[in-house]
Amino acid sequence: MKKIIQTDKAPAPIGPYNQAVLKGGMLYTSGQIAIDPKTGNLVTDDIKEETKMVMENMRAVLAEAGMTFENVLKSSIFISDMHNFAAINEVYATYFNEATAPARETVEVANLPKFVNVEISMIASL
């Protein structure tokens, strides 16, 4: 049976989905964007701060499932402008040990929800 993961320390879903689903020790997260869960405001003025907010939201979802970034097997990063790749990567790298970092892809897309600049989803395992 699947278990729905929900925390108020990350933004509430803005559609018919959950923050994450846990099944058989595997956690599948929905994409996180830079909505500050305390205020509900978007954090998009600076790409590094935006990426940090996304990663902190993801940290909260992982924690609710009893996991950390060390449990992450795969990340998917969607960005609206590949010119932001280096700045996003710089912040993202601070959340992982390079030797044990997860598999990942980074894809440039035309638009993201609420027209943010970056969205990240993850798959993790207990």
PDB file of N, CA and C in Angstrom:
ATOM      1  N   MET A   1       0.837  -1.184   0.000  1.00  0.00           N
ATOM      2  CA  MET A   1       0.000   0.000   0.000  1.00  0.00           C
ATOM      3  C   MET A   1       0.884   1.250   0.000  1.00  0.00           C
ATOM      4  N   LYS A   2       0.482   2.259  -0.741  1.00  0.00           N
ATOM      5  CA  LYS A   2       1.260   3.485  -0.778  1.00  0.00           C
ATOM      6  C   LYS A   2       0.895   4.389   0.394  1.00  0.00           C
ATOM      7  N   LYS A   3       1.885   5.171   0.821  1.00  0.00           N
ATOM      8  CA  LYS A   3       1.682   6.126   1.906  1.00  0.00           C
ATOM      9  C   LYS A   3       1.903   7.526   1.340  1.00  0.00           C
ATOM     10  N   ILE A   4       0.963   8.403   1.565  1.00  0.00           N
ATOM     11  CA  ILE A   4       1.067   9.781   1.108  1.00  0.00           C
ATOM     12  C   ILE A   4       1.913  10.564   2.106  1.00  0.00           C
ATOM     13  N   ILE A   5       2.883  11.295   1.589  1.00  0.00           N
ATOM     14  CA  ILE A   5       3.759  12.130   2.417  1.00  0.00           C
ATOM     15  C   ILE A   5       3.310  13.576   2.249  1.00  0.00           C
ATOM     16  N   GLN A   6       3.039  14.227   3.368  1.00  0.00           N
ATOM     17  CA  GLN A   6       2.555  15.605   3.351  1.00  0.00           C
ATOM     18  C   GLN A   6       3.128  16.341   4.548  1.00  0.00           C
ATOM     19  N   THR A   7       3.722  17.510   4.335  1.00  0.00           N
ATOM     20  CA  THR A   7       4.232  18.328   5.423  1.00  0.00           C
ATOM     21  C   THR A   7       3.890  19.787   5.177  1.00  0.00           C
ATOM     22  N   ASP A   8       3.630  20.527   6.255  1.00  0.00           N
ATOM     23  CA  ASP A   8       3.388  21.955   6.106  1.00  0.00           C
ATOM     24  C   ASP A   8       4.697  22.736   6.069  1.00  0.00           C
ATOM     25  N   LYS A   9       5.827  22.029   6.143  1.00  0.00           N
ATOM     26  CA  LYS A   9       7.148  22.669   6.043  1.00  0.00           C
ATOM     27  C   LYS A   9       7.607  22.804   4.594  1.00  0.00           C
ATOM     28  N   ALA A  10       6.757  22.384   3.675  1.00  0.00           N
ATOM     29  CA  ALA A  10       6.965  22.578   2.236  1.00  0.00           C
ATOM     30  C   ALA A  10       5.639  23.083   1.681  1.00  0.00           C
ATOM     31  N   PRO A  11       5.667  23.723   0.518  1.00  0.00           N
ATOM     32  CA  PRO A  11       4.422  24.272  -0.011  1.00  0.00           C
ATOM     33  C   PRO A  11       3.375  23.201  -0.290  1.00  0.00           C
ATOM     34  N   ALA A  12       2.133  23.546  -0.055  1.00  0.00           N
ATOM     35  CA  ALA A  12       1.031  22.647  -0.366  1.00  0.00           C
ATOM     36  C   ALA A  12       0.935  22.495  -1.883  1.00  0.00           C
ATOM     37  N   PRO A  13       0.520  21.340  -2.355  1.00  0.00           N
ATOM     38  CA  PRO A  13       0.356  21.148  -3.799  1.00  0.00           C
ATOM     39  C   PRO A  13      -0.610  22.181  -4.381  1.00  0.00           C
ATOM     40  N   ILE A  14      -0.338  22.574  -5.626  1.00  0.00           N
ATOM     41  CA  ILE A  14      -1.196  23.554  -6.300  1.00  0.00           C
ATOM     42  C   ILE A  14      -2.064  22.872  -7.360  1.00  0.00           C
ATOM     43  N   GLY A  15      -2.280  21.580  -7.186  1.00  0.00           N
ATOM     44  CA  GLY A  15      -3.092  20.810  -8.119  1.00  0.00           C
ATOM     45  C   GLY A  15      -3.449  19.469  -7.504  1.00  0.00           C
ATOM     46  N   PRO A  16      -3.992  18.562  -8.296  1.00  0.00           N
ATOM     47  CA  PRO A  16      -4.418  17.250  -7.792  1.00  0.00           C
ATOM     48  C   PRO A  16      -3.257  16.256  -7.689  1.00  0.00           C
ATOM     49  N   TYR A  17      -2.356  16.517  -6.759  1.00  0.00           N
ATOM     50  CA  TYR A  17      -1.215  15.632  -6.515  1.00  0.00           C
ATOM     51  C   TYR A  17      -0.758  15.811  -5.073  1.00  0.00           C
ATOM     52  N   ASN A  18       0.143  14.957  -4.623  1.00  0.00           N
ATOM     53  CA  ASN A  18       0.699  15.037  -3.275  1.00  0.00           C
ATOM     54  C   ASN A  18       2.168  15.413  -3.345  1.00  0.00           C
ATOM     55  N   GLN A  19       2.719  15.862  -2.218  1.00  0.00           N
ATOM     56  CA  GLN A  19       4.135  16.230  -2.184  1.00  0.00           C
ATOM     57  C   GLN A  19       5.023  15.035  -2.493  1.00  0.00           C
ATOM     58  N   ALA A  20       4.641  13.854  -2.011  1.00  0.00           N
ATOM     59  CA  ALA A  20       5.417  12.644  -2.270  1.00  0.00           C
ATOM     60  C   ALA A  20       4.567  11.417  -1.955  1.00  0.00           C
ATOM     61  N   VAL A  21       5.001  10.292  -2.513  1.00  0.00           N
ATOM     62  CA  VAL A  21       4.365   9.006  -2.255  1.00  0.00           C
ATOM     63  C   VAL A  21       5.461   8.007  -1.904  1.00  0.00           C
ATOM     64  N   LEU A  22       5.256   7.273  -0.811  1.00  0.00           N
ATOM     65  CA  LEU A  22       6.191   6.248  -0.364  1.00  0.00           C
ATOM     66  C   LEU A  22       5.569   4.883  -0.606  1.00  0.00           C
ATOM     67  N   LYS A  23       6.296   4.012  -1.273  1.00  0.00           N
ATOM     68  CA  LYS A  23       5.805   2.655  -1.545  1.00  0.00           C
ATOM     69  C   LYS A  23       7.000   1.719  -1.577  1.00  0.00           C
ATOM     70  N   GLY A  24       6.948   0.669  -0.769  1.00  0.00           N
ATOM     71  CA  GLY A  24       8.012  -0.328  -0.770  1.00  0.00           C
ATOM     72  C   GLY A  24       9.386   0.243  -0.496  1.00  0.00           C
ATOM     73  N   GLY A  25       9.468   1.228   0.369  1.00  0.00           N
ATOM     74  CA  GLY A  25      10.757   1.833   0.709  1.00  0.00           C
ATOM     75  C   GLY A  25      11.256   2.842  -0.311  1.00  0.00           C
ATOM     76  N   MET A  26      10.486   3.068  -1.374  1.00  0.00           N
ATOM     77  CA  MET A  26      10.859   4.037  -2.407  1.00  0.00           C
ATOM     78  C   MET A  26       9.990   5.285  -2.272  1.00  0.00           C
ATOM     79  N   LEU A  27      10.630   6.443  -2.317  1.00  0.00           N
ATOM     80  CA  LEU A  27       9.931   7.717  -2.221  1.00  0.00           C
ATOM     81  C   LEU A  27       9.986   8.411  -3.577  1.00  0.00           C
ATOM     82  N   TYR A  28       8.830   8.787  -4.059  1.00  0.00           N
ATOM     83  CA  TYR A  28       8.708   9.516  -5.324  1.00  0.00           C
ATOM     84  C   TYR A  28       8.167  10.898  -4.992  1.00  0.00           C
ATOM     85  N   THR A  29       8.969  11.930  -5.183  1.00  0.00           N
ATOM     86  CA  THR A  29       8.518  13.278  -4.851  1.00  0.00           C
ATOM     87  C   THR A  29       7.944  13.971  -6.070  1.00  0.00           C
ATOM     88  N   SER A  30       7.010  14.844  -5.817  1.00  0.00           N
ATOM     89  CA  SER A  30       6.550  15.759  -6.850  1.00  0.00           C
ATOM     90  C   SER A  30       7.600  16.845  -6.993  1.00  0.00           C
ATOM     91  N   GLY A  31       7.565  17.544  -8.094  1.00  0.00           N
ATOM     92  CA  GLY A  31       8.505  18.647  -8.281  1.00  0.00           C
ATOM     93  C   GLY A  31       8.250  19.744  -7.270  1.00  0.00           C
ATOM     94  N   GLN A  32       9.329  20.286  -6.751  1.00  0.00           N
ATOM     95  CA  GLN A  32       9.237  21.414  -5.833  1.00  0.00           C
ATOM     96  C   GLN A  32       9.683  22.671  -6.560  1.00  0.00           C
ATOM     97  N   ILE A  33       8.965  23.755  -6.300  1.00  0.00           N
ATOM     98  CA  ILE A  33       9.360  25.062  -6.809  1.00  0.00           C
ATOM     99  C   ILE A  33       9.609  25.973  -5.617  1.00  0.00           C
ATOM    100  N   ALA A  34      10.025  27.189  -5.879  1.00  0.00           N
ATOM    101  CA  ALA A  34      10.460  28.095  -4.812  1.00  0.00           C
ATOM    102  C   ALA A  34       9.306  28.881  -4.209  1.00  0.00           C
ATOM    103  N   ILE A  35       8.375  28.174  -3.613  1.00  0.00           N
ATOM    104  CA  ILE A  35       7.329  28.819  -2.821  1.00  0.00           C
ATOM    105  C   ILE A  35       7.752  28.708  -1.367  1.00  0.00           C
ATOM    106  N   ASP A  36       7.830  29.848  -0.702  1.00  0.00           N
ATOM    107  CA  ASP A  36       8.164  29.854   0.719  1.00  0.00           C
ATOM    108  C   ASP A  36       6.952  29.320   1.477  1.00  0.00           C
ATOM    109  N   PRO A  37       7.080  28.163   2.158  1.00  0.00           N
ATOM    110  CA  PRO A  37       5.919  27.575   2.835  1.00  0.00           C
ATOM    111  C   PRO A  37       5.388  28.429   3.989  1.00  0.00           C
ATOM    112  N   LYS A  38       6.208  29.329   4.521  1.00  0.00           N
ATOM    113  CA  LYS A  38       5.765  30.171   5.633  1.00  0.00           C
ATOM    114  C   LYS A  38       4.877  31.311   5.155  1.00  0.00           C
ATOM    115  N   THR A  39       5.187  31.845   3.966  1.00  0.00           N
ATOM    116  CA  THR A  39       4.463  33.018   3.475  1.00  0.00           C
ATOM    117  C   THR A  39       3.571  32.721   2.266  1.00  0.00           C
ATOM    118  N   GLY A  40       3.881  31.652   1.556  1.00  0.00           N
ATOM    119  CA  GLY A  40       3.166  31.352   0.321  1.00  0.00           C
ATOM    120  C   GLY A  40       3.667  32.152  -0.865  1.00  0.00           C
ATOM    121  N   ASN A  41       4.699  32.970  -0.649  1.00  0.00           N
ATOM    122  CA  ASN A  41       5.249  33.811  -1.707  1.00  0.00           C
ATOM    123  C   ASN A  41       6.300  33.075  -2.518  1.00  0.00           C
ATOM    124  N   LEU A  42       6.400  33.425  -3.788  1.00  0.00           N
ATOM    125  CA  LEU A  42       7.454  32.891  -4.641  1.00  0.00           C
ATOM    126  C   LEU A  42       8.773  33.593  -4.336  1.00  0.00           C
ATOM    127  N   VAL A  43       9.865  32.837  -4.421  1.00  0.00           N
ATOM    128  CA  VAL A  43      11.216  33.372  -4.244  1.00  0.00           C
ATOM    129  C   VAL A  43      11.901  33.239  -5.601  1.00  0.00           C
ATOM    130  N   THR A  44      11.832  34.292  -6.420  1.00  0.00           N
ATOM    131  CA  THR A  44      12.365  34.188  -7.784  1.00  0.00           C
ATOM    132  C   THR A  44      13.263  35.346  -8.199  1.00  0.00           C
ATOM    133  N   ASP A  45      13.612  36.234  -7.284  1.00  0.00           N
ATOM    134  CA  ASP A  45      14.422  37.400  -7.659  1.00  0.00           C
ATOM    135  C   ASP A  45      15.874  37.051  -7.964  1.00  0.00           C
ATOM    136  N   ASP A  46      16.383  35.977  -7.364  1.00  0.00           N
ATOM    137  CA  ASP A  46      17.779  35.573  -7.533  1.00  0.00           C
ATOM    138  C   ASP A  46      17.797  34.061  -7.739  1.00  0.00           C
ATOM    139  N   ILE A  47      18.428  33.587  -8.794  1.00  0.00           N
ATOM    140  CA  ILE A  47      18.391  32.158  -9.132  1.00  0.00           C
ATOM    141  C   ILE A  47      19.006  31.293  -8.036  1.00  0.00           C
ATOM    142  N   LYS A  48      20.033  31.780  -7.353  1.00  0.00           N
ATOM    143  CA  LYS A  48      20.633  30.990  -6.270  1.00  0.00           C
ATOM    144  C   LYS A  48      19.678  30.886  -5.084  1.00  0.00           C
ATOM    145  N   GLU A  49      19.032  31.978  -4.725  1.00  0.00           N
ATOM    146  CA  GLU A  49      18.065  31.947  -3.622  1.00  0.00           C
ATOM    147  C   GLU A  49      16.851  31.098  -4.005  1.00  0.00           C
ATOM    148  N   GLU A  50      16.454  31.174  -5.261  1.00  0.00           N
ATOM    149  CA  GLU A  50      15.336  30.363  -5.735  1.00  0.00           C
ATOM    150  C   GLU A  50      15.675  28.873  -5.629  1.00  0.00           C
ATOM    151  N   THR A  51      16.866  28.513  -6.069  1.00  0.00           N
ATOM    152  CA  THR A  51      17.302  27.111  -6.002  1.00  0.00           C
ATOM    153  C   THR A  51      17.404  26.646  -4.555  1.00  0.00           C
ATOM    154  N   LYS A  52      17.911  27.511  -3.689  1.00  0.00           N
ATOM    155  CA  LYS A  52      18.015  27.160  -2.267  1.00  0.00           C
ATOM    156  C   LYS A  52      16.630  26.899  -1.675  1.00  0.00           C
ATOM    157  N   MET A  53      15.643  27.722  -2.030  1.00  0.00           N
ATOM    158  CA  MET A  53      14.283  27.524  -1.522  1.00  0.00           C
ATOM    159  C   MET A  53      13.726  26.197  -2.016  1.00  0.00           C
ATOM    160  N   VAL A  54      13.965  25.873  -3.285  1.00  0.00           N
ATOM    161  CA  VAL A  54      13.515  24.590  -3.841  1.00  0.00           C
ATOM    162  C   VAL A  54      14.137  23.444  -3.044  1.00  0.00           C
ATOM    163  N   MET A  55      15.437  23.514  -2.812  1.00  0.00           N
ATOM    164  CA  MET A  55      16.126  22.436  -2.109  1.00  0.00           C
ATOM    165  C   MET A  55      15.687  22.340  -0.642  1.00  0.00           C
ATOM    166  N   GLU A  56      15.401  23.451  -0.012  1.00  0.00           N
ATOM    167  CA  GLU A  56      14.918  23.420   1.370  1.00  0.00           C
ATOM    168  C   GLU A  56      13.509  22.824   1.422  1.00  0.00           C
ATOM    169  N   ASN A  57      12.689  23.128   0.425  1.00  0.00           N
ATOM    170  CA  ASN A  57      11.371  22.496   0.351  1.00  0.00           C
ATOM    171  C   ASN A  57      11.521  20.987   0.170  1.00  0.00           C
ATOM    172  N   MET A  58      12.470  20.584  -0.671  1.00  0.00           N
ATOM    173  CA  MET A  58      12.703  19.156  -0.885  1.00  0.00           C
ATOM    174  C   MET A  58      13.235  18.503   0.399  1.00  0.00           C
ATOM    175  N   ARG A  59      14.100  19.206   1.114  1.00  0.00           N
ATOM    176  CA  ARG A  59      14.608  18.685   2.393  1.00  0.00           C
ATOM    177  C   ARG A  59      13.443  18.377   3.334  1.00  0.00           C
ATOM    178  N   ALA A  60      12.466  19.278   3.385  1.00  0.00           N
ATOM    179  CA  ALA A  60      11.314  19.096   4.273  1.00  0.00           C
ATOM    180  C   ALA A  60      10.485  17.880   3.870  1.00  0.00           C
ATOM    181  N   VAL A  61      10.291  17.668   2.581  1.00  0.00           N
ATOM    182  CA  VAL A  61       9.538  16.512   2.105  1.00  0.00           C
ATOM    183  C   VAL A  61      10.294  15.223   2.428  1.00  0.00           C
ATOM    184  N   LEU A  62      11.583  15.209   2.169  1.00  0.00           N
ATOM    185  CA  LEU A  62      12.396  14.030   2.496  1.00  0.00           C
ATOM    186  C   LEU A  62      12.334  13.740   3.995  1.00  0.00           C
ATOM    187  N   ALA A  63      12.473  14.780   4.812  1.00  0.00           N
ATOM    188  CA  ALA A  63      12.459  14.599   6.271  1.00  0.00           C
ATOM    189  C   ALA A  63      11.129  14.021   6.747  1.00  0.00           C
ATOM    190  N   GLU A  64      10.032  14.459   6.154  1.00  0.00           N
ATOM    191  CA  GLU A  64       8.718  13.945   6.533  1.00  0.00           C
ATOM    192  C   GLU A  64       8.622  12.442   6.277  1.00  0.00           C
ATOM    193  N   ALA A  65       9.388  11.969   5.297  1.00  0.00           N
ATOM    194  CA  ALA A  65       9.417  10.531   4.977  1.00  0.00           C
ATOM    195  C   ALA A  65      10.534   9.809   5.734  1.00  0.00           C
ATOM    196  N   GLY A  66      11.219  10.519   6.640  1.00  0.00           N
ATOM    197  CA  GLY A  66      12.304   9.912   7.410  1.00  0.00           C
ATOM    198  C   GLY A  66      13.588   9.756   6.611  1.00  0.00           C
ATOM    199  N   MET A  67      13.792  10.625   5.636  1.00  0.00           N
ATOM    200  CA  MET A  67      14.961  10.532   4.764  1.00  0.00           C
ATOM    201  C   MET A  67      15.729  11.838   4.729  1.00  0.00           C
ATOM    202  N   THR A  68      16.918  11.786   4.145  1.00  0.00           N
ATOM    203  CA  THR A  68      17.760  12.952   3.906  1.00  0.00           C
ATOM    204  C   THR A  68      18.212  12.914   2.445  1.00  0.00           C
ATOM    205  N   PHE A  69      19.010  13.880   2.059  1.00  0.00           N
ATOM    206  CA  PHE A  69      19.545  13.890   0.701  1.00  0.00           C
ATOM    207  C   PHE A  69      20.441  12.675   0.436  1.00  0.00           C
ATOM    208  N   GLU A  70      20.963  12.055   1.477  1.00  0.00           N
ATOM    209  CA  GLU A  70      21.773  10.843   1.303  1.00  0.00           C
ATOM    210  C   GLU A  70      20.944   9.679   0.766  1.00  0.00           C
ATOM    211  N   ASN A  71      19.632   9.728   0.940  1.00  0.00           N
ATOM    212  CA  ASN A  71      18.746   8.669   0.452  1.00  0.00           C
ATOM    213  C   ASN A  71      18.362   8.832  -1.019  1.00  0.00           C
ATOM    214  N   VAL A  72      18.682   9.984  -1.597  1.00  0.00           N
ATOM    215  CA  VAL A  72      18.250  10.285  -2.959  1.00  0.00           C
ATOM    216  C   VAL A  72      19.044   9.472  -3.976  1.00  0.00           C
ATOM    217  N   LEU A  73      18.296   8.796  -4.853  1.00  0.00           N
ATOM    218  CA  LEU A  73      18.903   7.990  -5.919  1.00  0.00           C
ATOM    219  C   LEU A  73      18.946   8.738  -7.241  1.00  0.00           C
ATOM    220  N   LYS A  74      17.945   9.601  -7.482  1.00  0.00           N
ATOM    221  CA  LYS A  74      17.812  10.263  -8.784  1.00  0.00           C
ATOM    222  C   LYS A  74      17.154  11.612  -8.604  1.00  0.00           C
ATOM    223  N   SER A  75      17.684  12.610  -9.275  1.00  0.00           N
ATOM    224  CA  SER A  75      17.085  13.947  -9.302  1.00  0.00           C
ATOM    225  C   SER A  75      16.769  14.326 -10.734  1.00  0.00           C
ATOM    226  N   SER A  76      15.696  15.048 -10.895  1.00  0.00           N
ATOM    227  CA  SER A  76      15.351  15.636 -12.189  1.00  0.00           C
ATOM    228  C   SER A  76      15.236  17.133 -11.981  1.00  0.00           C
ATOM    229  N   ILE A  77      15.994  17.886 -12.760  1.00  0.00           N
ATOM    230  CA  ILE A  77      15.981  19.345 -12.652  1.00  0.00           C
ATOM    231  C   ILE A  77      15.449  19.911 -13.960  1.00  0.00           C
ATOM    232  N   PHE A  78      14.434  20.741 -13.833  1.00  0.00           N
ATOM    233  CA  PHE A  78      13.843  21.407 -14.986  1.00  0.00           C
ATOM    234  C   PHE A  78      14.106  22.894 -14.826  1.00  0.00           C
ATOM    235  N   ILE A  79      14.713  23.506 -15.852  1.00  0.00           N
ATOM    236  CA  ILE A  79      15.037  24.925 -15.781  1.00  0.00           C
ATOM    237  C   ILE A  79      14.509  25.644 -17.018  1.00  0.00           C
ATOM    238  N   SER A  80      14.178  26.904 -16.824  1.00  0.00           N
ATOM    239  CA  SER A  80      13.610  27.672 -17.929  1.00  0.00           C
ATOM    240  C   SER A  80      14.675  28.321 -18.807  1.00  0.00           C
ATOM    241  N   ASP A  81      15.926  28.337 -18.327  1.00  0.00           N
ATOM    242  CA  ASP A  81      17.009  28.961 -19.090  1.00  0.00           C
ATOM    243  C   ASP A  81      18.318  28.253 -18.764  1.00  0.00           C
ATOM    244  N   MET A  82      18.880  27.562 -19.724  1.00  0.00           N
ATOM    245  CA  MET A  82      20.116  26.807 -19.499  1.00  0.00           C
ATOM    246  C   MET A  82      21.278  27.713 -19.091  1.00  0.00           C
ATOM    247  N   HIS A  83      21.156  29.010 -19.321  1.00  0.00           N
ATOM    248  CA  HIS A  83      22.196  29.939 -18.869  1.00  0.00           C
ATOM    249  C   HIS A  83      22.278  29.983 -17.335  1.00  0.00           C
ATOM    250  N   ASN A  84      21.243  29.528 -16.654  1.00  0.00           N
ATOM    251  CA  ASN A  84      21.237  29.477 -15.182  1.00  0.00           C
ATOM    252  C   ASN A  84      21.831  28.184 -14.638  1.00  0.00           C
ATOM    253  N   PHE A  85      22.235  27.277 -15.509  1.00  0.00           N
ATOM    254  CA  PHE A  85      22.721  25.959 -15.087  1.00  0.00           C
ATOM    255  C   PHE A  85      23.834  26.048 -14.044  1.00  0.00           C
ATOM    256  N   ALA A  86      24.855  26.841 -14.286  1.00  0.00           N
ATOM    257  CA  ALA A  86      26.002  26.905 -13.367  1.00  0.00           C
ATOM    258  C   ALA A  86      25.581  27.387 -11.976  1.00  0.00           C
ATOM    259  N   ALA A  87      24.750  28.410 -11.910  1.00  0.00           N
ATOM    260  CA  ALA A  87      24.304  28.934 -10.612  1.00  0.00           C
ATOM    261  C   ALA A  87      23.439  27.926  -9.880  1.00  0.00           C
ATOM    262  N   ILE A  88      22.536  27.271 -10.595  1.00  0.00           N
ATOM    263  CA  ILE A  88      21.691  26.242  -9.991  1.00  0.00           C
ATOM    264  C   ILE A  88      22.551  25.091  -9.492  1.00  0.00           C
ATOM    265  N   ASN A  89      23.480  24.658 -10.316  1.00  0.00           N
ATOM    266  CA  ASN A  89      24.364  23.549  -9.960  1.00  0.00           C
ATOM    267  C   ASN A  89      25.215  23.872  -8.738  1.00  0.00           C
ATOM    268  N   GLU A  90      25.654  25.113  -8.633  1.00  0.00           N
ATOM    269  CA  GLU A  90      26.470  25.536  -7.483  1.00  0.00           C
ATOM    270  C   GLU A  90      25.706  25.345  -6.175  1.00  0.00           C
ATOM    271  N   VAL A  91      24.448  25.762  -6.155  1.00  0.00           N
ATOM    272  CA  VAL A  91      23.627  25.611  -4.949  1.00  0.00           C
ATOM    273  C   VAL A  91      23.276  24.143  -4.722  1.00  0.00           C
ATOM    274  N   TYR A  92      22.835  23.461  -5.766  1.00  0.00           N
ATOM    275  CA  TYR A  92      22.460  22.043  -5.681  1.00  0.00           C
ATOM    276  C   TYR A  92      23.607  21.221  -5.092  1.00  0.00           C
ATOM    277  N   ALA A  93      24.821  21.492  -5.517  1.00  0.00           N
ATOM    278  CA  ALA A  93      25.999  20.729  -5.077  1.00  0.00           C
ATOM    279  C   ALA A  93      26.225  20.818  -3.573  1.00  0.00           C
ATOM    280  N   THR A  94      25.772  21.882  -2.926  1.00  0.00           N
ATOM    281  CA  THR A  94      25.995  22.028  -1.483  1.00  0.00           C
ATOM    282  C   THR A  94      25.135  21.060  -0.669  1.00  0.00           C
ATOM    283  N   TYR A  95      24.164  20.425  -1.297  1.00  0.00           N
ATOM    284  CA  TYR A  95      23.258  19.508  -0.599  1.00  0.00           C
ATOM    285  C   TYR A  95      23.683  18.046  -0.705  1.00  0.00           C
ATOM    286  N   PHE A  96      24.730  17.779  -1.489  1.00  0.00           N
ATOM    287  CA  PHE A  96      25.147  16.396  -1.714  1.00  0.00           C
ATOM    288  C   PHE A  96      26.641  16.230  -1.532  1.00  0.00           C
ATOM    289  N   ASN A  97      27.033  15.028  -1.124  1.00  0.00           N
ATOM    290  CA  ASN A  97      28.428  14.617  -1.128  1.00  0.00           C
ATOM    291  C   ASN A  97      28.721  14.184  -2.568  1.00  0.00           C
ATOM    292  N   GLU A  98      29.686  14.791  -3.212  1.00  0.00           N
ATOM    293  CA  GLU A  98      29.945  14.495  -4.621  1.00  0.00           C
ATOM    294  C   GLU A  98      30.208  13.016  -4.872  1.00  0.00           C
ATOM    295  N   ALA A  99      30.861  12.347  -3.930  1.00  0.00           N
ATOM    296  CA  ALA A  99      31.201  10.924  -4.113  1.00  0.00           C
ATOM    297  C   ALA A  99      29.961  10.031  -4.118  1.00  0.00           C
ATOM    298  N   THR A 100      28.891  10.465  -3.439  1.00  0.00           N
ATOM    299  CA  THR A 100      27.680   9.634  -3.353  1.00  0.00           C
ATOM    300  C   THR A 100      26.449  10.341  -3.922  1.00  0.00           C
ATOM    301  N   ALA A 101      26.660  11.381  -4.709  1.00  0.00           N
ATOM    302  CA  ALA A 101      25.554  12.147  -5.287  1.00  0.00           C
ATOM    303  C   ALA A 101      24.681  11.249  -6.168  1.00  0.00           C
ATOM    304  N   PRO A 102      23.401  11.583  -6.275  1.00  0.00           N
ATOM    305  CA  PRO A 102      22.487  10.759  -7.072  1.00  0.00           C
ATOM    306  C   PRO A 102      22.701  10.939  -8.575  1.00  0.00           C
ATOM    307  N   ALA A 103      22.093  10.044  -9.329  1.00  0.00           N
ATOM    308  CA  ALA A 103      22.002  10.236 -10.778  1.00  0.00           C
ATOM    309  C   ALA A 103      21.121  11.456 -11.013  1.00  0.00           C
ATOM    310  N   ARG A 104      21.266  12.084 -12.194  1.00  0.00           N
ATOM    311  CA  ARG A 104      20.514  13.317 -12.412  1.00  0.00           C
ATOM    312  C   ARG A 104      20.427  13.648 -13.889  1.00  0.00           C
ATOM    313  N   GLU A 105      19.346  14.337 -14.252  1.00  0.00           N
ATOM    314  CA  GLU A 105      19.300  14.995 -15.541  1.00  0.00           C
ATOM    315  C   GLU A 105      18.833  16.415 -15.320  1.00  0.00           C
ATOM    316  N   THR A 106      19.267  17.291 -16.207  1.00  0.00           N
ATOM    317  CA  THR A 106      18.841  18.687 -16.180  1.00  0.00           C
ATOM    318  C   THR A 106      18.314  19.013 -17.564  1.00  0.00           C
ATOM    319  N   VAL A 107      17.092  19.506 -17.614  1.00  0.00           N
ATOM    320  CA  VAL A 107      16.418  19.742 -18.883  1.00  0.00           C
ATOM    321  C   VAL A 107      15.901  21.172 -18.927  1.00  0.00           C
ATOM    322  N   GLU A 108      16.163  21.860 -20.032  1.00  0.00           N
ATOM    323  CA  GLU A 108      15.576  23.177 -20.232  1.00  0.00           C
ATOM    324  C   GLU A 108      14.178  22.996 -20.812  1.00  0.00           C
ATOM    325  N   VAL A 109      13.222  23.734 -20.238  1.00  0.00           N
ATOM    326  CA  VAL A 109      11.833  23.644 -20.680  1.00  0.00           C
ATOM    327  C   VAL A 109      11.315  25.045 -21.018  1.00  0.00           C
ATOM    328  N   ALA A 110      10.227  25.100 -21.757  1.00  0.00           N
ATOM    329  CA  ALA A 110       9.668  26.390 -22.175  1.00  0.00           C
ATOM    330  C   ALA A 110       9.093  27.172 -20.995  1.00  0.00           C
ATOM    331  N   ASN A 111       8.357  26.493 -20.122  1.00  0.00           N
ATOM    332  CA  ASN A 111       7.731  27.139 -18.970  1.00  0.00           C
ATOM    333  C   ASN A 111       7.602  26.135 -17.834  1.00  0.00           C
ATOM    334  N   LEU A 112       7.509  26.673 -16.631  1.00  0.00           N
ATOM    335  CA  LEU A 112       7.298  25.868 -15.431  1.00  0.00           C
ATOM    336  C   LEU A 112       6.109  26.437 -14.671  1.00  0.00           C
ATOM    337  N   PRO A 113       5.541  25.663 -13.717  1.00  0.00           N
ATOM    338  CA  PRO A 113       4.411  26.181 -12.951  1.00  0.00           C
ATOM    339  C   PRO A 113       4.725  27.545 -12.333  1.00  0.00           C
ATOM    340  N   LYS A 114       3.758  28.424 -12.396  1.00  0.00           N
ATOM    341  CA  LYS A 114       3.879  29.791 -11.867  1.00  0.00           C
ATOM    342  C   LYS A 114       5.029  30.556 -12.526  1.00  0.00           C
ATOM    343  N   PHE A 115       5.520  30.048 -13.661  1.00  0.00           N
ATOM    344  CA  PHE A 115       6.593  30.671 -14.430  1.00  0.00           C
ATOM    345  C   PHE A 115       7.872  30.865 -13.620  1.00  0.00           C
ATOM    346  N   VAL A 116       8.157  29.893 -12.742  1.00  0.00           N
ATOM    347  CA  VAL A 116       9.405  29.912 -11.974  1.00  0.00           C
ATOM    348  C   VAL A 116      10.556  29.552 -12.900  1.00  0.00           C
ATOM    349  N   ASN A 117      11.772  29.622 -12.370  1.00  0.00           N
ATOM    350  CA  ASN A 117      12.975  29.356 -13.149  1.00  0.00           C
ATOM    351  C   ASN A 117      13.531  27.951 -12.981  1.00  0.00           C
ATOM    352  N   VAL A 118      13.140  27.279 -11.878  1.00  0.00           N
ATOM    353  CA  VAL A 118      13.682  25.941 -11.611  1.00  0.00           C
ATOM    354  C   VAL A 118      12.653  25.115 -10.832  1.00  0.00           C
ATOM    355  N   GLU A 119      12.568  23.836 -11.194  1.00  0.00           N
ATOM    356  CA  GLU A 119      11.741  22.859 -10.479  1.00  0.00           C
ATOM    357  C   GLU A 119      12.565  21.580 -10.365  1.00  0.00           C
ATOM    358  N   ILE A 120      12.526  20.959  -9.181  1.00  0.00           N
ATOM    359  CA  ILE A 120      13.316  19.751  -8.940  1.00  0.00           C
ATOM    360  C   ILE A 120      12.435  18.680  -8.319  1.00  0.00           C
ATOM    361  N   SER A 121      12.553  17.456  -8.852  1.00  0.00           N
ATOM    362  CA  SER A 121      11.901  16.301  -8.248  1.00  0.00           C
ATOM    363  C   SER A 121      12.957  15.252  -7.958  1.00  0.00           C
ATOM    364  N   MET A 122      12.639  14.313  -7.072  1.00  0.00           N
ATOM    365  CA  MET A 122      13.611  13.300  -6.661  1.00  0.00           C
ATOM    366  C   MET A 122      12.954  11.944  -6.433  1.00  0.00           C
ATOM    367  N   ILE A 123      13.762  10.923  -6.549  1.00  0.00           N
ATOM    368  CA  ILE A 123      13.401   9.558  -6.150  1.00  0.00           C
ATOM    369  C   ILE A 123      14.410   9.153  -5.090  1.00  0.00           C
ATOM    370  N   ALA A 124      13.917   8.660  -3.959  1.00  0.00           N
ATOM    371  CA  ALA A 124      14.796   8.280  -2.856  1.00  0.00           C
ATOM    372  C   ALA A 124      14.387   6.907  -2.340  1.00  0.00           C
ATOM    373  N   SER A 125      15.281   6.306  -1.575  1.00  0.00           N
ATOM    374  CA  SER A 125      15.034   4.974  -1.032  1.00  0.00           C
ATOM    375  C   SER A 125      15.499   4.894   0.406  1.00  0.00           C
ATOM    376  N   LEU A 126      14.738   4.162   1.212  1.00  0.00           N
ATOM    377  CA  LEU A 126      15.141   3.936   2.613  1.00  0.00           C
ATOM    378  C   LEU A 126      16.380   3.077   2.666  1.00  0.00           C
TER     379      LEU A 126
END
